[in-house]
Amino acid sequence: MNFNIYYMIKVKISTQILNKLANSRLGLIVSNIDVEKSSNQFTALIHDTHQDLIESLQVKRENEYDVILETRKAYKLCGKEPSRYRPSAEALLRRLRTKKDLYQINNVVDSINLMSVTSRFSIGGFDMQHIQGDIFCDIGNADIYEAIGRGNLNIEFMPGLRDDLGFFGTPTSDSVRTSVTANTKTLLLVFYDFFGNESLTTALKEAQDILCTYCNAEIVHQSIIE
């Protein structure tokens, strides 16, 4: 997948979402990346970051951070119960608070998890070669998709992303169809921001730095869609 092919794909926020969440935005990063095992240096950084977060989460719990509170509120406004279908940033931080290790998969997935726990944004990471047609942020229907590590996920009333083949991502979990594998060459990152949080720009900048440093990324596009 190359730069020009990406620009044939449009990313839009549906009227259905905007009617309920007028300040919704999507932070986008497209990059060419190398998927491999995380380096010792990166693994050490992840470990140190997790230890710092475990300590801070004993004082301030994950569902007290503003971005997570906003994502939970978005779920409720769309008709989904966030305590049953926790946004991924909340779920990852909750694991850390209870001193459960986060799974390390490869440098790209590990990067996404690191970005999520440090920024508090739920982030989708997708292999662009498995996305067909334009992308819409919309409210889930009665369909179900196979979610990474969760089996079939009930996405009804959940904000998420769809293409011509159906929904493939939500703030709770991405689908297996578009998941990052050893064969992924072009990565699409989507930061879900439903209330215009001012920290999104900083989070996107920090994400680019992580991708370039630990995934040998070539950033080909970055934008905020409103």
C-alpha atoms as a PDB file:
ATOM      1  CA  MET A   1       0.000   0.000   0.000  1.00  0.00           C
ATOM      2  CA  ASN A   2       1.433   3.349  -0.897  1.00  0.00           C
ATOM      3  CA  PHE A   3       0.773   7.029  -0.286  1.00  0.00           C
ATOM      4  CA  ASN A   4      -1.345   7.539  -3.408  1.00  0.00           C
ATOM      5  CA  ILE A   5      -3.570   4.537  -2.706  1.00  0.00           C
ATOM      6  CA  TYR A   6      -4.241   5.903   0.776  1.00  0.00           C
ATOM      7  CA  TYR A   7      -5.526   9.153  -0.663  1.00  0.00           C
ATOM      8  CA  MET A   8      -8.137   7.281  -2.664  1.00  0.00           C
ATOM      9  CA  ILE A   9      -9.730   6.390   0.695  1.00  0.00           C
ATOM     10  CA  LYS A  10     -11.835   9.034   2.407  1.00  0.00           C
ATOM     11  CA  VAL A  11     -12.407   9.088   6.166  1.00  0.00           C
ATOM     12  CA  LYS A  12     -15.634  10.683   7.371  1.00  0.00           C
ATOM     13  CA  ILE A  13     -17.674  11.030  10.562  1.00  0.00           C
ATOM     14  CA  SER A  14     -21.319  10.120   9.995  1.00  0.00           C
ATOM     15  CA  THR A  15     -24.249  12.411  10.659  1.00  0.00           C
ATOM     16  CA  GLN A  16     -25.565   9.769  13.064  1.00  0.00           C
ATOM     17  CA  ILE A  17     -22.462  10.199  15.258  1.00  0.00           C
ATOM     18  CA  LEU A  18     -22.422  13.998  14.969  1.00  0.00           C
ATOM     19  CA  ASN A  19     -26.073  14.231  15.989  1.00  0.00           C
ATOM     20  CA  LYS A  20     -25.161  12.612  19.319  1.00  0.00           C
ATOM     21  CA  LEU A  21     -21.530  13.725  19.654  1.00  0.00           C
ATOM     22  CA  ALA A  22     -21.172  17.053  17.867  1.00  0.00           C
ATOM     23  CA  ASN A  23     -17.485  17.545  18.752  1.00  0.00           C
ATOM     24  CA  SER A  24     -16.304  14.133  17.550  1.00  0.00           C
ATOM     25  CA  ARG A  25     -12.894  13.953  15.895  1.00  0.00           C
ATOM     26  CA  LEU A  26     -10.583  11.245  14.607  1.00  0.00           C
ATOM     27  CA  GLY A  27      -6.822  11.589  14.807  1.00  0.00           C
ATOM     28  CA  LEU A  28      -5.225   9.763  11.864  1.00  0.00           C
ATOM     29  CA  ILE A  29      -1.692   8.584  11.200  1.00  0.00           C
ATOM     30  CA  VAL A  30      -0.739   6.515   8.160  1.00  0.00           C
ATOM     31  CA  SER A  31       2.759   5.059   8.067  1.00  0.00           C
ATOM     32  CA  ASN A  32       4.835   2.468   6.295  1.00  0.00           C
ATOM     33  CA  ILE A  33       6.263   0.251   9.029  1.00  0.00           C
ATOM     34  CA  ASP A  34       8.402  -2.823   9.735  1.00  0.00           C
ATOM     35  CA  VAL A  35       6.716  -5.387  11.985  1.00  0.00           C
ATOM     36  CA  GLU A  36       9.162  -7.314  14.141  1.00  0.00           C
ATOM     37  CA  LYS A  37       9.847  -8.333  17.717  1.00  0.00           C
ATOM     38  CA  SER A  38      10.228  -5.369  20.076  1.00  0.00           C
ATOM     39  CA  SER A  39      13.866  -4.508  20.741  1.00  0.00           C
ATOM     40  CA  ASN A  40      15.398  -4.848  24.188  1.00  0.00           C
ATOM     41  CA  GLN A  41      15.549  -1.057  24.392  1.00  0.00           C
ATOM     42  CA  PHE A  42      11.849  -0.720  23.600  1.00  0.00           C
ATOM     43  CA  THR A  43      10.905  -3.516  25.997  1.00  0.00           C
ATOM     44  CA  ALA A  44      12.813  -1.745  28.770  1.00  0.00           C
ATOM     45  CA  LEU A  45      10.989   1.518  28.026  1.00  0.00           C
ATOM     46  CA  ILE A  46       7.629  -0.263  28.112  1.00  0.00           C
ATOM     47  CA  HIS A  47       8.497  -1.901  31.445  1.00  0.00           C
ATOM     48  CA  ASP A  48       9.582   1.386  33.035  1.00  0.00           C
ATOM     49  CA  THR A  49       6.480   3.186  31.747  1.00  0.00           C
ATOM     50  CA  HIS A  50       4.226   0.455  33.115  1.00  0.00           C
ATOM     51  CA  GLN A  51       5.869   0.645  36.535  1.00  0.00           C
ATOM     52  CA  ASP A  52       5.330   4.410  36.661  1.00  0.00           C
ATOM     53  CA  LEU A  53       1.696   3.984  35.641  1.00  0.00           C
ATOM     54  CA  ILE A  54       1.058   1.246  38.204  1.00  0.00           C
ATOM     55  CA  GLU A  55       2.261   3.626  40.907  1.00  0.00           C
ATOM     56  CA  SER A  56       0.172   6.579  39.693  1.00  0.00           C
ATOM     57  CA  LEU A  57      -2.936   4.405  39.272  1.00  0.00           C
ATOM     58  CA  GLN A  58      -2.925   3.635  42.975  1.00  0.00           C
ATOM     59  CA  VAL A  59      -3.739   7.335  43.487  1.00  0.00           C
ATOM     60  CA  LYS A  60      -5.869   8.154  40.436  1.00  0.00           C
ATOM     61  CA  ARG A  61      -7.846   5.349  38.820  1.00  0.00           C
ATOM     62  CA  GLU A  62      -8.111   4.864  35.090  1.00  0.00           C
ATOM     63  CA  ASN A  63     -11.762   5.938  34.843  1.00  0.00           C
ATOM     64  CA  GLU A  64     -10.946   9.303  36.431  1.00  0.00           C
ATOM     65  CA  TYR A  65      -8.885  10.563  33.465  1.00  0.00           C
ATOM     66  CA  ASP A  66     -10.754  13.029  31.265  1.00  0.00           C
ATOM     67  CA  VAL A  67     -10.228  11.273  27.915  1.00  0.00           C
ATOM     68  CA  ILE A  68     -11.502   7.976  29.339  1.00  0.00           C
ATOM     69  CA  LEU A  69     -14.446   9.704  31.016  1.00  0.00           C
ATOM     70  CA  GLU A  70     -15.302  11.277  27.663  1.00  0.00           C
ATOM     71  CA  THR A  71     -15.122   7.942  25.829  1.00  0.00           C
ATOM     72  CA  ARG A  72     -17.361   6.334  28.447  1.00  0.00           C
ATOM     73  CA  LYS A  73     -19.833   9.206  28.085  1.00  0.00           C
ATOM     74  CA  ALA A  74     -19.809   8.743  24.300  1.00  0.00           C
ATOM     75  CA  TYR A  75     -20.709   5.076  24.743  1.00  0.00           C
ATOM     76  CA  LYS A  76     -23.650   5.975  26.981  1.00  0.00           C
ATOM     77  CA  LEU A  77     -24.926   8.612  24.540  1.00  0.00           C
ATOM     78  CA  CYS A  78     -24.788   6.049  21.717  1.00  0.00           C
ATOM     79  CA  GLY A  79     -26.626   3.487  23.867  1.00  0.00           C
ATOM     80  CA  LYS A  80     -23.774   1.202  24.983  1.00  0.00           C
ATOM     81  CA  GLU A  81     -22.802   0.297  28.554  1.00  0.00           C
ATOM     82  CA  PRO A  82     -19.100   1.211  28.991  1.00  0.00           C
ATOM     83  CA  SER A  83     -18.562  -0.873  32.131  1.00  0.00           C
ATOM     84  CA  ARG A  84     -19.460  -4.014  30.184  1.00  0.00           C
ATOM     85  CA  TYR A  85     -17.627  -3.016  27.006  1.00  0.00           C
ATOM     86  CA  ARG A  86     -14.709  -1.007  28.357  1.00  0.00           C
ATOM     87  CA  PRO A  87     -12.799   1.240  25.936  1.00  0.00           C
ATOM     88  CA  SER A  88      -9.361  -0.256  25.290  1.00  0.00           C
ATOM     89  CA  ALA A  89      -7.391   2.515  27.026  1.00  0.00           C
ATOM     90  CA  GLU A  90      -9.416   1.982  30.182  1.00  0.00           C
ATOM     91  CA  ALA A  91      -9.077  -1.808  29.978  1.00  0.00           C
ATOM     92  CA  LEU A  92      -5.296  -1.630  29.521  1.00  0.00           C
ATOM     93  CA  LEU A  93      -4.831   0.770  32.430  1.00  0.00           C
ATOM     94  CA  ARG A  94      -7.120  -1.340  34.603  1.00  0.00           C
ATOM     95  CA  ARG A  95      -4.881  -4.350  33.959  1.00  0.00           C
ATOM     96  CA  LEU A  96      -1.861  -2.337  35.006  1.00  0.00           C
ATOM     97  CA  ARG A  97      -3.578  -1.046  38.162  1.00  0.00           C
ATOM     98  CA  THR A  98      -4.314  -4.622  39.196  1.00  0.00           C
ATOM     99  CA  LYS A  99      -0.684  -5.501  38.392  1.00  0.00           C
ATOM    100  CA  LYS A 100      -1.430  -7.737  35.429  1.00  0.00           C
ATOM    101  CA  ASP A 101       1.105  -7.604  32.617  1.00  0.00           C
ATOM    102  CA  LEU A 102       0.083  -6.341  29.193  1.00  0.00           C
ATOM    103  CA  TYR A 103       0.712  -8.846  26.426  1.00  0.00           C
ATOM    104  CA  GLN A 104       3.649  -8.004  24.176  1.00  0.00           C
ATOM    105  CA  ILE A 105       3.017  -9.089  20.601  1.00  0.00           C
ATOM    106  CA  ASN A 106       5.325  -7.192  18.249  1.00  0.00           C
ATOM    107  CA  ASN A 107       6.804  -3.706  18.010  1.00  0.00           C
ATOM    108  CA  VAL A 108       3.741  -2.218  16.288  1.00  0.00           C
ATOM    109  CA  VAL A 109       1.077  -3.625  18.614  1.00  0.00           C
ATOM    110  CA  ASP A 110       3.303  -2.867  21.607  1.00  0.00           C
ATOM    111  CA  SER A 111       3.633   0.715  20.337  1.00  0.00           C
ATOM    112  CA  ILE A 112      -0.135   1.125  20.044  1.00  0.00           C
ATOM    113  CA  ASN A 113      -0.644  -0.157  23.584  1.00  0.00           C
ATOM    114  CA  LEU A 114       2.057   2.174  24.899  1.00  0.00           C
ATOM    115  CA  MET A 115       0.504   5.159  23.103  1.00  0.00           C
ATOM    116  CA  SER A 116      -2.901   4.275  24.518  1.00  0.00           C
ATOM    117  CA  VAL A 117      -1.890   3.943  28.182  1.00  0.00           C
ATOM    118  CA  THR A 118       0.165   7.139  28.117  1.00  0.00           C
ATOM    119  CA  SER A 119      -2.329   9.299  26.167  1.00  0.00           C
ATOM    120  CA  ARG A 120      -5.536   7.662  27.570  1.00  0.00           C
ATOM    121  CA  PHE A 121      -7.002   7.638  24.045  1.00  0.00           C
ATOM    122  CA  SER A 122      -8.412   4.398  22.703  1.00  0.00           C
ATOM    123  CA  ILE A 123      -6.512   3.784  19.466  1.00  0.00           C
ATOM    124  CA  GLY A 124      -7.327   1.528  16.547  1.00  0.00           C
ATOM    125  CA  GLY A 125      -4.446   0.019  14.592  1.00  0.00           C
ATOM    126  CA  PHE A 126      -5.303  -1.382  11.160  1.00  0.00           C
ATOM    127  CA  ASP A 127      -3.588  -3.053   8.222  1.00  0.00           C
ATOM    128  CA  MET A 128      -4.638  -0.845   5.322  1.00  0.00           C
ATOM    129  CA  GLN A 129      -4.447  -3.605   2.731  1.00  0.00           C
ATOM    130  CA  HIS A 130      -7.522  -5.191   4.351  1.00  0.00           C
ATOM    131  CA  ILE A 131      -9.673  -2.046   4.298  1.00  0.00           C
ATOM    132  CA  GLN A 132     -12.002  -1.737   1.315  1.00  0.00           C
ATOM    133  CA  GLY A 133     -13.628   1.527   0.261  1.00  0.00           C
ATOM    134  CA  ASP A 134     -14.105   4.684   2.281  1.00  0.00           C
ATOM    135  CA  ILE A 135     -14.056   4.691   6.086  1.00  0.00           C
ATOM    136  CA  PHE A 136     -16.934   6.031   8.176  1.00  0.00           C
ATOM    137  CA  CYS A 137     -17.076   6.599  11.906  1.00  0.00           C
ATOM    138  CA  ASP A 138     -20.607   5.484  12.725  1.00  0.00           C
ATOM    139  CA  ILE A 139     -22.776   3.825  15.368  1.00  0.00           C
ATOM    140  CA  GLY A 140     -22.682   0.046  15.308  1.00  0.00           C
ATOM    141  CA  ASN A 141     -25.616  -1.989  14.074  1.00  0.00           C
ATOM    142  CA  ALA A 142     -26.758  -5.491  15.000  1.00  0.00           C
ATOM    143  CA  ASP A 143     -23.763  -7.054  13.225  1.00  0.00           C
ATOM    144  CA  ILE A 144     -21.046  -8.836  15.156  1.00  0.00           C
ATOM    145  CA  TYR A 145     -17.379  -9.076  14.231  1.00  0.00           C
ATOM    146  CA  GLU A 146     -14.544 -11.259  15.447  1.00  0.00           C
ATOM    147  CA  ALA A 147     -12.520  -9.044  17.749  1.00  0.00           C
ATOM    148  CA  ILE A 148      -8.854  -9.550  18.552  1.00  0.00           C
ATOM    149  CA  GLY A 149      -8.576 -11.654  21.704  1.00  0.00           C
ATOM    150  CA  ARG A 150     -12.313 -11.397  22.476  1.00  0.00           C
ATOM    151  CA  GLY A 151     -14.127 -13.609  20.001  1.00  0.00           C
ATOM    152  CA  ASN A 152     -17.415 -12.285  18.637  1.00  0.00           C
ATOM    153  CA  LEU A 153     -18.038  -8.699  19.766  1.00  0.00           C
ATOM    154  CA  ASN A 154     -21.511  -7.166  19.999  1.00  0.00           C
ATOM    155  CA  ILE A 155     -20.978  -3.748  18.398  1.00  0.00           C
ATOM    156  CA  GLU A 156     -24.606  -2.593  18.388  1.00  0.00           C
ATOM    157  CA  PHE A 157     -24.889   1.014  19.691  1.00  0.00           C
ATOM    158  CA  MET A 158     -21.095   1.267  19.914  1.00  0.00           C
ATOM    159  CA  PRO A 159     -19.228   4.045  18.074  1.00  0.00           C
ATOM    160  CA  GLY A 160     -16.825   2.548  15.568  1.00  0.00           C
ATOM    161  CA  LEU A 161     -15.397   2.368  12.060  1.00  0.00           C
ATOM    162  CA  ARG A 162     -16.828   0.694   8.973  1.00  0.00           C
ATOM    163  CA  ASP A 163     -15.839   0.258   5.347  1.00  0.00           C
ATOM    164  CA  ASP A 164     -17.541  -1.428   2.385  1.00  0.00           C
ATOM    165  CA  LEU A 165     -17.280  -4.817   4.117  1.00  0.00           C
ATOM    166  CA  GLY A 166     -18.787  -3.678   7.413  1.00  0.00           C
ATOM    167  CA  PHE A 167     -17.533  -2.588  10.823  1.00  0.00           C
ATOM    168  CA  PHE A 168     -13.901  -3.362  11.616  1.00  0.00           C
ATOM    169  CA  GLY A 169     -12.987  -1.240  14.630  1.00  0.00           C
ATOM    170  CA  THR A 170     -14.363   0.225  17.856  1.00  0.00           C
ATOM    171  CA  PRO A 171     -12.710   1.888  20.862  1.00  0.00           C
ATOM    172  CA  THR A 172     -13.196  -1.445  22.674  1.00  0.00           C
ATOM    173  CA  SER A 173     -11.420  -3.772  20.244  1.00  0.00           C
ATOM    174  CA  ASP A 174     -10.326  -4.016  16.614  1.00  0.00           C
ATOM    175  CA  SER A 175     -11.478  -6.775  14.290  1.00  0.00           C
ATOM    176  CA  VAL A 176      -9.341  -9.728  13.272  1.00  0.00           C
ATOM    177  CA  ARG A 177     -10.003  -8.854   9.603  1.00  0.00           C
ATOM    178  CA  THR A 178      -7.899  -5.679   9.691  1.00  0.00           C
ATOM    179  CA  SER A 179      -5.454  -6.691  12.440  1.00  0.00           C
ATOM    180  CA  VAL A 180      -1.714  -6.030  12.333  1.00  0.00           C
ATOM    181  CA  THR A 181       0.314  -9.112  11.400  1.00  0.00           C
ATOM    182  CA  ALA A 182       3.873  -9.886  10.388  1.00  0.00           C
ATOM    183  CA  ASN A 183       2.818  -9.123   6.799  1.00  0.00           C
ATOM    184  CA  THR A 184       1.517  -5.603   7.512  1.00  0.00           C
ATOM    185  CA  LYS A 185       3.327  -2.922   5.541  1.00  0.00           C
ATOM    186  CA  THR A 186       1.068   0.131   5.868  1.00  0.00           C
ATOM    187  CA  LEU A 187      -0.518   0.974   9.197  1.00  0.00           C
ATOM    188  CA  LEU A 188      -3.532   3.185   9.852  1.00  0.00           C
ATOM    189  CA  LEU A 189      -3.821   4.516  13.399  1.00  0.00           C
ATOM    190  CA  VAL A 190      -7.108   6.067  14.511  1.00  0.00           C
ATOM    191  CA  PHE A 191      -7.360   8.008  17.778  1.00  0.00           C
ATOM    192  CA  TYR A 192     -10.990   8.244  18.932  1.00  0.00           C
ATOM    193  CA  ASP A 193     -11.833  11.694  20.341  1.00  0.00           C
ATOM    194  CA  PHE A 194     -15.533  12.343  20.941  1.00  0.00           C
ATOM    195  CA  PHE A 195     -15.385  15.672  22.780  1.00  0.00           C
ATOM    196  CA  GLY A 196     -12.593  17.667  21.100  1.00  0.00           C
ATOM    197  CA  ASN A 197     -10.011  16.953  23.789  1.00  0.00           C
ATOM    198  CA  GLU A 198      -7.126  19.423  23.533  1.00  0.00           C
ATOM    199  CA  SER A 199      -4.520  16.715  24.184  1.00  0.00           C
ATOM    200  CA  LEU A 200      -5.141  15.000  20.830  1.00  0.00           C
ATOM    201  CA  THR A 201      -2.537  17.027  18.916  1.00  0.00           C
ATOM    202  CA  THR A 202       0.177  16.210  21.455  1.00  0.00           C
ATOM    203  CA  ALA A 203      -0.815  12.538  21.444  1.00  0.00           C
ATOM    204  CA  LEU A 204      -0.473  12.367  17.653  1.00  0.00           C
ATOM    205  CA  LYS A 205       2.975  13.966  17.776  1.00  0.00           C
ATOM    206  CA  GLU A 206       4.176  11.555  20.456  1.00  0.00           C
ATOM    207  CA  ALA A 207       2.751   8.628  18.486  1.00  0.00           C
ATOM    208  CA  GLN A 208       4.734   9.606  15.406  1.00  0.00           C
ATOM    209  CA  ASP A 209       7.908   9.738  17.481  1.00  0.00           C
ATOM    210  CA  ILE A 210       7.283   6.234  18.871  1.00  0.00           C
ATOM    211  CA  LEU A 211       6.515   4.781  15.437  1.00  0.00           C
ATOM    212  CA  CYS A 212       9.619   6.306  13.854  1.00  0.00           C
ATOM    213  CA  THR A 213      11.900   5.255  16.706  1.00  0.00           C
ATOM    214  CA  TYR A 214      10.688   1.695  17.327  1.00  0.00           C
ATOM    215  CA  CYS A 215       8.899   0.624  14.117  1.00  0.00           C
ATOM    216  CA  ASN A 216      11.195   2.193  11.499  1.00  0.00           C
ATOM    217  CA  ALA A 217       8.137   4.120  10.332  1.00  0.00           C
ATOM    218  CA  GLU A 218       7.839   6.428   7.370  1.00  0.00           C
ATOM    219  CA  ILE A 219       4.955   8.793   8.194  1.00  0.00           C
ATOM    220  CA  VAL A 220       2.985   9.443   5.021  1.00  0.00           C
ATOM    221  CA  HIS A 221      -0.067  11.195   6.461  1.00  0.00           C
ATOM    222  CA  GLN A 222      -1.287  12.776   9.699  1.00  0.00           C
ATOM    223  CA  SER A 223      -4.499  14.708  10.196  1.00  0.00           C
ATOM    224  CA  ILE A 224      -7.468  15.361  12.467  1.00  0.00           C
ATOM    225  CA  ILE A 225     -10.870  14.664  10.891  1.00  0.00           C
ATOM    226  CA  GLU A 226     -13.859  16.603  12.222  1.00  0.00           C
END
